[in-house]
Amino acid sequence: RFDGQVSTFWPGHGPVYRDLFPEPPPPGALPSC
């Protein structure tokens, strides 16, 4: 919609994707574009 997010994940230098989002959401919980 009108929101956006951006980050960089680099193992050994900082967090990775699962540090921000540890587990997938339930099926269908997030609407698509």
PDB file of all heavy atoms in Angstrom:
ATOM      1  N   ARG A   1       0.827  -1.192   0.000  1.00  0.00           N
ATOM      2  CA  ARG A   1       0.000   0.000   0.000  1.00  0.00           C
ATOM      3  C   ARG A   1       0.870   1.254   0.000  1.00  0.00           C
ATOM      4  O   ARG A   1       1.503   1.572  -0.987  1.00  0.00           O
ATOM      5  CB  ARG A   1      -1.003  -0.031   1.153  1.00  0.00           C
ATOM      6  CG  ARG A   1      -2.080  -1.087   0.933  1.00  0.00           C
ATOM      7  CD  ARG A   1      -3.157  -1.060   2.006  1.00  0.00           C
ATOM      8  NE  ARG A   1      -4.243  -1.975   1.625  1.00  0.00           N
ATOM      9  CZ  ARG A   1      -5.238  -2.324   2.418  1.00  0.00           C
ATOM     10  NH1 ARG A   1      -5.322  -1.824   3.640  1.00  0.00           N
ATOM     11  NH2 ARG A   1      -6.169  -3.158   1.995  1.00  0.00           N
ATOM     12  N   PHE A   2       0.933   1.993   1.118  1.00  0.00           N
ATOM     13  CA  PHE A   2       1.696   3.236   1.178  1.00  0.00           C
ATOM     14  C   PHE A   2       2.912   3.121   2.093  1.00  0.00           C
ATOM     15  O   PHE A   2       3.484   4.137   2.488  1.00  0.00           O
ATOM     16  CB  PHE A   2       0.794   4.380   1.664  1.00  0.00           C
ATOM     17  CG  PHE A   2      -0.437   4.574   0.824  1.00  0.00           C
ATOM     18  CD1 PHE A   2      -1.668   4.093   1.253  1.00  0.00           C
ATOM     19  CD2 PHE A   2      -0.375   5.224  -0.399  1.00  0.00           C
ATOM     20  CE1 PHE A   2      -2.809   4.261   0.491  1.00  0.00           C
ATOM     21  CE2 PHE A   2      -1.508   5.396  -1.171  1.00  0.00           C
ATOM     22  CZ  PHE A   2      -2.727   4.918  -0.731  1.00  0.00           C
ATOM     23  N   ASP A   3       3.292   1.896   2.436  1.00  0.00           N
ATOM     24  CA  ASP A   3       4.391   1.684   3.376  1.00  0.00           C
ATOM     25  C   ASP A   3       5.492   0.848   2.734  1.00  0.00           C
ATOM     26  O   ASP A   3       5.237   0.009   1.865  1.00  0.00           O
ATOM     27  CB  ASP A   3       3.897   0.972   4.636  1.00  0.00           C
ATOM     28  CG  ASP A   3       2.824   1.762   5.362  1.00  0.00           C
ATOM     29  OD1 ASP A   3       2.981   2.989   5.451  1.00  0.00           O
ATOM     30  OD2 ASP A   3       1.831   1.162   5.815  1.00  0.00           O
ATOM     31  N   GLY A   4       6.711   1.084   3.193  1.00  0.00           N
ATOM     32  CA  GLY A   4       7.839   0.311   2.695  1.00  0.00           C
ATOM     33  C   GLY A   4       8.882   0.096   3.775  1.00  0.00           C
ATOM     34  O   GLY A   4       8.952   0.867   4.756  1.00  0.00           O
ATOM     35  N   GLN A   5       9.678  -0.964   3.619  1.00  0.00           N
ATOM     36  CA  GLN A   5      10.742  -1.281   4.564  1.00  0.00           C
ATOM     37  C   GLN A   5      11.975  -1.712   3.790  1.00  0.00           C
ATOM     38  O   GLN A   5      11.873  -2.311   2.717  1.00  0.00           O
ATOM     39  CB  GLN A   5      10.316  -2.418   5.507  1.00  0.00           C
ATOM     40  CG  GLN A   5       9.078  -2.141   6.323  1.00  0.00           C
ATOM     41  CD  GLN A   5       8.660  -3.332   7.165  1.00  0.00           C
ATOM     42  OE1 GLN A   5       9.303  -4.377   7.154  1.00  0.00           O
ATOM     43  NE2 GLN A   5       7.577  -3.184   7.910  1.00  0.00           N
ATOM     44  N   VAL A   6      13.137  -1.428   4.351  1.00  0.00           N
ATOM     45  CA  VAL A   6      14.392  -1.858   3.721  1.00  0.00           C
ATOM     46  C   VAL A   6      15.441  -2.061   4.807  1.00  0.00           C
ATOM     47  O   VAL A   6      15.484  -1.333   5.799  1.00  0.00           O
ATOM     48  CB  VAL A   6      14.870  -0.822   2.671  1.00  0.00           C
ATOM     49  CG1 VAL A   6      15.123   0.531   3.308  1.00  0.00           C
ATOM     50  CG2 VAL A   6      16.109  -1.317   1.943  1.00  0.00           C
ATOM     51  N   SER A   7      16.259  -3.088   4.630  1.00  0.00           N
ATOM     52  CA  SER A   7      17.346  -3.361   5.565  1.00  0.00           C
ATOM     53  C   SER A   7      18.391  -4.203   4.856  1.00  0.00           C
ATOM     54  O   SER A   7      18.173  -4.685   3.727  1.00  0.00           O
ATOM     55  CB  SER A   7      16.834  -4.090   6.813  1.00  0.00           C
ATOM     56  OG  SER A   7      17.852  -4.200   7.787  1.00  0.00           O
ATOM     57  N   THR A   8      19.525  -4.384   5.519  1.00  0.00           N
ATOM     58  CA  THR A   8      20.597  -5.240   5.005  1.00  0.00           C
ATOM     59  C   THR A   8      20.965  -6.249   6.084  1.00  0.00           C
ATOM     60  O   THR A   8      21.216  -5.873   7.236  1.00  0.00           O
ATOM     61  CB  THR A   8      21.834  -4.405   4.621  1.00  0.00           C
ATOM     62  OG1 THR A   8      21.504  -3.588   3.493  1.00  0.00           O
ATOM     63  CG2 THR A   8      22.997  -5.306   4.254  1.00  0.00           C
ATOM     64  N   PHE A   9      20.983  -7.515   5.717  1.00  0.00           N
ATOM     65  CA  PHE A   9      21.349  -8.598   6.629  1.00  0.00           C
ATOM     66  C   PHE A   9      22.692  -9.169   6.181  1.00  0.00           C
ATOM     67  O   PHE A   9      22.862  -9.515   5.007  1.00  0.00           O
ATOM     68  CB  PHE A   9      20.274  -9.685   6.624  1.00  0.00           C
ATOM     69  CG  PHE A   9      18.888  -9.156   6.915  1.00  0.00           C
ATOM     70  CD1 PHE A   9      17.915  -9.117   5.934  1.00  0.00           C
ATOM     71  CD2 PHE A   9      18.572  -8.673   8.180  1.00  0.00           C
ATOM     72  CE1 PHE A   9      16.641  -8.632   6.191  1.00  0.00           C
ATOM     73  CE2 PHE A   9      17.307  -8.184   8.451  1.00  0.00           C
ATOM     74  CZ  PHE A   9      16.340  -8.153   7.466  1.00  0.00           C
ATOM     75  N   TRP A  10      23.612  -9.260   7.142  1.00  0.00           N
ATOM     76  CA  TRP A  10      24.952  -9.732   6.789  1.00  0.00           C
ATOM     77  C   TRP A  10      25.483 -10.597   7.923  1.00  0.00           C
ATOM     78  O   TRP A  10      25.932 -10.086   8.949  1.00  0.00           O
ATOM     79  CB  TRP A  10      25.883  -8.555   6.534  1.00  0.00           C
ATOM     80  CG  TRP A  10      27.177  -8.931   5.857  1.00  0.00           C
ATOM     81  CD1 TRP A  10      27.643 -10.188   5.619  1.00  0.00           C
ATOM     82  CD2 TRP A  10      28.146  -8.040   5.325  1.00  0.00           C
ATOM     83  NE1 TRP A  10      28.845 -10.148   4.956  1.00  0.00           N
ATOM     84  CE2 TRP A  10      29.185  -8.833   4.765  1.00  0.00           C
ATOM     85  CE3 TRP A  10      28.245  -6.655   5.258  1.00  0.00           C
ATOM     86  CZ2 TRP A  10      30.305  -8.271   4.171  1.00  0.00           C
ATOM     87  CZ3 TRP A  10      29.367  -6.099   4.657  1.00  0.00           C
ATOM     88  CH2 TRP A  10      30.382  -6.893   4.118  1.00  0.00           C
ATOM     89  N   PRO A  11      25.413 -11.922   7.770  1.00  0.00           N
ATOM     90  CA  PRO A  11      25.900 -12.806   8.827  1.00  0.00           C
ATOM     91  C   PRO A  11      27.374 -12.542   9.121  1.00  0.00           C
ATOM     92  O   PRO A  11      28.184 -12.363   8.218  1.00  0.00           O
ATOM     93  CB  PRO A  11      25.681 -14.208   8.242  1.00  0.00           C
ATOM     94  CG  PRO A  11      25.498 -14.010   6.764  1.00  0.00           C
ATOM     95  CD  PRO A  11      24.917 -12.658   6.599  1.00  0.00           C
ATOM     96  N   GLY A  12      27.694 -12.486  10.392  1.00  0.00           N
ATOM     97  CA  GLY A  12      29.059 -12.185  10.805  1.00  0.00           C
ATOM     98  C   GLY A  12      29.293 -10.715  11.060  1.00  0.00           C
ATOM     99  O   GLY A  12      30.240 -10.346  11.765  1.00  0.00           O
ATOM    100  N   HIS A  13      28.454  -9.866  10.491  1.00  0.00           N
ATOM    101  CA  HIS A  13      28.566  -8.418  10.686  1.00  0.00           C
ATOM    102  C   HIS A  13      27.328  -7.833  11.368  1.00  0.00           C
ATOM    103  O   HIS A  13      27.355  -6.670  11.787  1.00  0.00           O
ATOM    104  CB  HIS A  13      28.778  -7.707   9.355  1.00  0.00           C
ATOM    105  CG  HIS A  13      30.100  -8.020   8.707  1.00  0.00           C
ATOM    106  ND1 HIS A  13      31.259  -7.367   9.027  1.00  0.00           N
ATOM    107  CD2 HIS A  13      30.427  -8.948   7.777  1.00  0.00           C
ATOM    108  CE1 HIS A  13      32.261  -7.863   8.317  1.00  0.00           C
ATOM    109  NE2 HIS A  13      31.781  -8.818   7.553  1.00  0.00           N
ATOM    110  N   GLY A  14      26.251  -8.601  11.437  1.00  0.00           N
ATOM    111  CA  GLY A  14      25.018  -8.099  12.024  1.00  0.00           C
ATOM    112  C   GLY A  14      23.935  -9.161  11.951  1.00  0.00           C
ATOM    113  O   GLY A  14      24.206 -10.344  11.693  1.00  0.00           O
ATOM    114  N   PRO A  15      22.684  -8.782  12.161  1.00  0.00           N
ATOM    115  CA  PRO A  15      21.576  -9.738  12.174  1.00  0.00           C
ATOM    116  C   PRO A  15      21.304 -10.317  10.792  1.00  0.00           C
ATOM    117  O   PRO A  15      21.751  -9.787   9.765  1.00  0.00           O
ATOM    118  CB  PRO A  15      20.397  -8.894  12.666  1.00  0.00           C
ATOM    119  CG  PRO A  15      20.749  -7.493  12.292  1.00  0.00           C
ATOM    120  CD  PRO A  15      22.235  -7.395  12.412  1.00  0.00           C
ATOM    121  N   VAL A  16      20.541 -11.407  10.790  1.00  0.00           N
ATOM    122  CA  VAL A  16      20.062 -12.020   9.560  1.00  0.00           C
ATOM    123  C   VAL A  16      18.537 -11.905   9.539  1.00  0.00           C
ATOM    124  O   VAL A  16      17.918 -11.409  10.475  1.00  0.00           O
ATOM    125  CB  VAL A  16      20.521 -13.486   9.447  1.00  0.00           C
ATOM    126  CG1 VAL A  16      22.036 -13.567   9.427  1.00  0.00           C
ATOM    127  CG2 VAL A  16      19.956 -14.335  10.585  1.00  0.00           C
ATOM    128  N   TYR A  17      17.937 -12.374   8.453  1.00  0.00           N
ATOM    129  CA  TYR A  17      16.497 -12.195   8.264  1.00  0.00           C
ATOM    130  C   TYR A  17      15.684 -12.750   9.430  1.00  0.00           C
ATOM    131  O   TYR A  17      14.732 -12.130   9.895  1.00  0.00           O
ATOM    132  CB  TYR A  17      16.083 -12.863   6.950  1.00  0.00           C
ATOM    133  CG  TYR A  17      14.628 -12.683   6.581  1.00  0.00           C
ATOM    134  CD1 TYR A  17      14.170 -11.477   6.070  1.00  0.00           C
ATOM    135  CD2 TYR A  17      13.713 -13.722   6.738  1.00  0.00           C
ATOM    136  CE1 TYR A  17      12.838 -11.299   5.727  1.00  0.00           C
ATOM    137  CE2 TYR A  17      12.378 -13.552   6.397  1.00  0.00           C
ATOM    138  CZ  TYR A  17      11.947 -12.343   5.889  1.00  0.00           C
ATOM    139  OH  TYR A  17      10.620 -12.172   5.562  1.00  0.00           O
ATOM    140  N   ARG A  18      16.070 -13.919   9.937  1.00  0.00           N
ATOM    141  CA  ARG A  18      15.283 -14.545  11.016  1.00  0.00           C
ATOM    142  C   ARG A  18      15.460 -13.837  12.359  1.00  0.00           C
ATOM    143  O   ARG A  18      14.703 -14.108  13.289  1.00  0.00           O
ATOM    144  CB  ARG A  18      15.628 -16.027  11.137  1.00  0.00           C
ATOM    145  CG  ARG A  18      14.919 -16.868  10.082  1.00  0.00           C
ATOM    146  CD  ARG A  18      15.000 -18.333  10.423  1.00  0.00           C
ATOM    147  NE  ARG A  18      14.427 -19.160   9.369  1.00  0.00           N
ATOM    148  CZ  ARG A  18      13.199 -19.666   9.406  1.00  0.00           C
ATOM    149  NH1 ARG A  18      12.418 -19.413  10.434  1.00  0.00           N
ATOM    150  NH2 ARG A  18      12.768 -20.418   8.415  1.00  0.00           N
ATOM    151  N   ASP A  19      16.420 -12.967  12.488  1.00  0.00           N
ATOM    152  CA  ASP A  19      16.495 -12.163  13.700  1.00  0.00           C
ATOM    153  C   ASP A  19      15.381 -11.119  13.724  1.00  0.00           C
ATOM    154  O   ASP A  19      14.919 -10.710  14.791  1.00  0.00           O
ATOM    155  CB  ASP A  19      17.853 -11.467  13.802  1.00  0.00           C
ATOM    156  CG  ASP A  19      18.983 -12.441  14.073  1.00  0.00           C
ATOM    157  OD1 ASP A  19      18.805 -13.324  14.943  1.00  0.00           O
ATOM    158  OD2 ASP A  19      20.033 -12.336  13.418  1.00  0.00           O
ATOM    159  N   LEU A  20      14.948 -10.690  12.544  1.00  0.00           N
ATOM    160  CA  LEU A  20      13.842  -9.734  12.450  1.00  0.00           C
ATOM    161  C   LEU A  20      12.497 -10.442  12.389  1.00  0.00           C
ATOM    162  O   LEU A  20      11.519 -10.013  13.009  1.00  0.00           O
ATOM    163  CB  LEU A  20      14.025  -8.855  11.212  1.00  0.00           C
ATOM    164  CG  LEU A  20      12.986  -7.749  10.986  1.00  0.00           C
ATOM    165  CD1 LEU A  20      12.969  -6.770  12.159  1.00  0.00           C
ATOM    166  CD2 LEU A  20      13.281  -7.015   9.677  1.00  0.00           C
ATOM    167  N   PHE A  21      12.451 -11.543  11.646  1.00  0.00           N
ATOM    168  CA  PHE A  21      11.215 -12.317  11.488  1.00  0.00           C
ATOM    169  C   PHE A  21      11.524 -13.782  11.830  1.00  0.00           C
ATOM    170  O   PHE A  21      11.829 -14.579  10.928  1.00  0.00           O
ATOM    171  CB  PHE A  21      10.689 -12.203  10.057  1.00  0.00           C
ATOM    172  CG  PHE A  21      10.427 -10.787   9.607  1.00  0.00           C
ATOM    173  CD1 PHE A  21      11.267 -10.174   8.687  1.00  0.00           C
ATOM    174  CD2 PHE A  21       9.349 -10.076  10.094  1.00  0.00           C
ATOM    175  CE1 PHE A  21      11.028  -8.873   8.259  1.00  0.00           C
ATOM    176  CE2 PHE A  21       9.099  -8.779   9.683  1.00  0.00           C
ATOM    177  CZ  PHE A  21       9.944  -8.171   8.767  1.00  0.00           C
ATOM    178  N   PRO A  22      11.467 -14.160  13.101  1.00  0.00           N
ATOM    179  CA  PRO A  22      11.905 -15.500  13.518  1.00  0.00           C
ATOM    180  C   PRO A  22      11.150 -16.639  12.860  1.00  0.00           C
ATOM    181  O   PRO A  22      11.743 -17.646  12.483  1.00  0.00           O
ATOM    182  CB  PRO A  22      11.675 -15.493  15.035  1.00  0.00           C
ATOM    183  CG  PRO A  22      11.694 -14.050  15.423  1.00  0.00           C
ATOM    184  CD  PRO A  22      11.100 -13.317  14.268  1.00  0.00           C
ATOM    185  N   GLU A  23       9.822 -16.508  12.705  1.00  0.00           N
ATOM    186  CA  GLU A  23       9.018 -17.593  12.159  1.00  0.00           C
ATOM    187  C   GLU A  23       8.048 -17.062  11.119  1.00  0.00           C
ATOM    188  O   GLU A  23       7.574 -15.923  11.224  1.00  0.00           O
ATOM    189  CB  GLU A  23       8.226 -18.292  13.264  1.00  0.00           C
ATOM    190  CG  GLU A  23       9.089 -18.984  14.311  1.00  0.00           C
ATOM    191  CD  GLU A  23       9.890 -20.138  13.739  1.00  0.00           C
ATOM    192  OE1 GLU A  23       9.448 -20.714  12.723  1.00  0.00           O
ATOM    193  OE2 GLU A  23      10.944 -20.466  14.305  1.00  0.00           O
ATOM    194  N   PRO A  24       7.724 -17.877  10.111  1.00  0.00           N
ATOM    195  CA  PRO A  24       6.730 -17.449   9.113  1.00  0.00           C
ATOM    196  C   PRO A  24       5.372 -17.242   9.768  1.00  0.00           C
ATOM    197  O   PRO A  24       5.023 -17.922  10.730  1.00  0.00           O
ATOM    198  CB  PRO A  24       6.689 -18.618   8.120  1.00  0.00           C
ATOM    199  CG  PRO A  24       7.952 -19.378   8.341  1.00  0.00           C
ATOM    200  CD  PRO A  24       8.283 -19.203   9.789  1.00  0.00           C
ATOM    201  N   PRO A  25       4.585 -16.306   9.259  1.00  0.00           N
ATOM    202  CA  PRO A  25       3.230 -16.103   9.784  1.00  0.00           C
ATOM    203  C   PRO A  25       2.320 -17.240   9.356  1.00  0.00           C
ATOM    204  O   PRO A  25       2.651 -18.003   8.438  1.00  0.00           O
ATOM    205  CB  PRO A  25       2.807 -14.779   9.141  1.00  0.00           C
ATOM    206  CG  PRO A  25       3.569 -14.739   7.854  1.00  0.00           C
ATOM    207  CD  PRO A  25       4.894 -15.385   8.145  1.00  0.00           C
ATOM    208  N   PRO A  26       1.159 -17.374   9.987  1.00  0.00           N
ATOM    209  CA  PRO A  26       0.208 -18.404   9.564  1.00  0.00           C
ATOM    210  C   PRO A  26      -0.210 -18.192   8.117  1.00  0.00           C
ATOM    211  O   PRO A  26      -0.191 -17.063   7.621  1.00  0.00           O
ATOM    212  CB  PRO A  26      -0.982 -18.204  10.513  1.00  0.00           C
ATOM    213  CG  PRO A  26      -0.427 -17.465  11.677  1.00  0.00           C
ATOM    214  CD  PRO A  26       0.679 -16.611  11.145  1.00  0.00           C
ATOM    215  N   PRO A  27      -0.573 -19.269   7.417  1.00  0.00           N
ATOM    216  CA  PRO A  27      -1.000 -19.136   6.024  1.00  0.00           C
ATOM    217  C   PRO A  27      -2.133 -18.144   5.875  1.00  0.00           C
ATOM    218  O   PRO A  27      -3.115 -18.180   6.617  1.00  0.00           O
ATOM    219  CB  PRO A  27      -1.451 -20.560   5.652  1.00  0.00           C
ATOM    220  CG  PRO A  27      -0.742 -21.445   6.623  1.00  0.00           C
ATOM    221  CD  PRO A  27      -0.612 -20.661   7.886  1.00  0.00           C
ATOM    222  N   GLY A  28      -1.987 -17.214   4.930  1.00  0.00           N
ATOM    223  CA  GLY A  28      -3.036 -16.245   4.644  1.00  0.00           C
ATOM    224  C   GLY A  28      -3.127 -15.095   5.614  1.00  0.00           C
ATOM    225  O   GLY A  28      -3.996 -14.233   5.477  1.00  0.00           O
ATOM    226  N   ALA A  29      -2.215 -15.038   6.600  1.00  0.00           N
ATOM    227  CA  ALA A  29      -2.311 -13.990   7.613  1.00  0.00           C
ATOM    228  C   ALA A  29      -1.942 -12.623   7.049  1.00  0.00           C
ATOM    229  O   ALA A  29      -2.436 -11.598   7.507  1.00  0.00           O
ATOM    230  CB  ALA A  29      -1.412 -14.319   8.798  1.00  0.00           C
ATOM    231  N   LEU A  30      -1.041 -12.605   6.055  1.00  0.00           N
ATOM    232  CA  LEU A  30      -0.605 -11.339   5.480  1.00  0.00           C
ATOM    233  C   LEU A  30      -1.211 -11.170   4.095  1.00  0.00           C
ATOM    234  O   LEU A  30      -1.054 -12.042   3.235  1.00  0.00           O
ATOM    235  CB  LEU A  30       0.925 -11.298   5.384  1.00  0.00           C
ATOM    236  CG  LEU A  30       1.685 -11.365   6.716  1.00  0.00           C
ATOM    237  CD1 LEU A  30       3.174 -11.312   6.459  1.00  0.00           C
ATOM    238  CD2 LEU A  30       1.259 -10.241   7.631  1.00  0.00           C
ATOM    239  N   PRO A  31      -1.875 -10.048   3.827  1.00  0.00           N
ATOM    240  CA  PRO A  31      -2.417  -9.816   2.490  1.00  0.00           C
ATOM    241  C   PRO A  31      -1.303  -9.508   1.503  1.00  0.00           C
ATOM    242  O   PRO A  31      -0.251  -8.990   1.874  1.00  0.00           O
ATOM    243  CB  PRO A  31      -3.335  -8.603   2.692  1.00  0.00           C
ATOM    244  CG  PRO A  31      -2.739  -7.881   3.851  1.00  0.00           C
ATOM    245  CD  PRO A  31      -2.180  -8.948   4.754  1.00  0.00           C
ATOM    246  N   SER A  32      -1.531  -9.847   0.244  1.00  0.00           N
ATOM    247  CA  SER A  32      -0.561  -9.548  -0.799  1.00  0.00           C
ATOM    248  C   SER A  32      -0.880  -8.202  -1.428  1.00  0.00           C
ATOM    249  O   SER A  32      -1.943  -7.622  -1.215  1.00  0.00           O
ATOM    250  CB  SER A  32      -0.598 -10.640  -1.871  1.00  0.00           C
ATOM    251  OG  SER A  32      -1.831 -10.591  -2.571  1.00  0.00           O
ATOM    252  N   CYS A  33       0.068  -7.709  -2.240  1.00  0.00           N
ATOM    253  CA  CYS A  33      -0.192  -6.466  -2.977  1.00  0.00           C
ATOM    254  C   CYS A  33      -1.364  -6.639  -3.934  1.00  0.00           C
ATOM    255  O   CYS A  33      -2.084  -5.677  -4.220  1.00  0.00           O
ATOM    256  CB  CYS A  33       1.056  -6.037  -3.735  1.00  0.00           C
ATOM    257  SG  CYS A  33       2.386  -5.463  -2.659  1.00  0.00           S
TER     258      CYS A  33
END
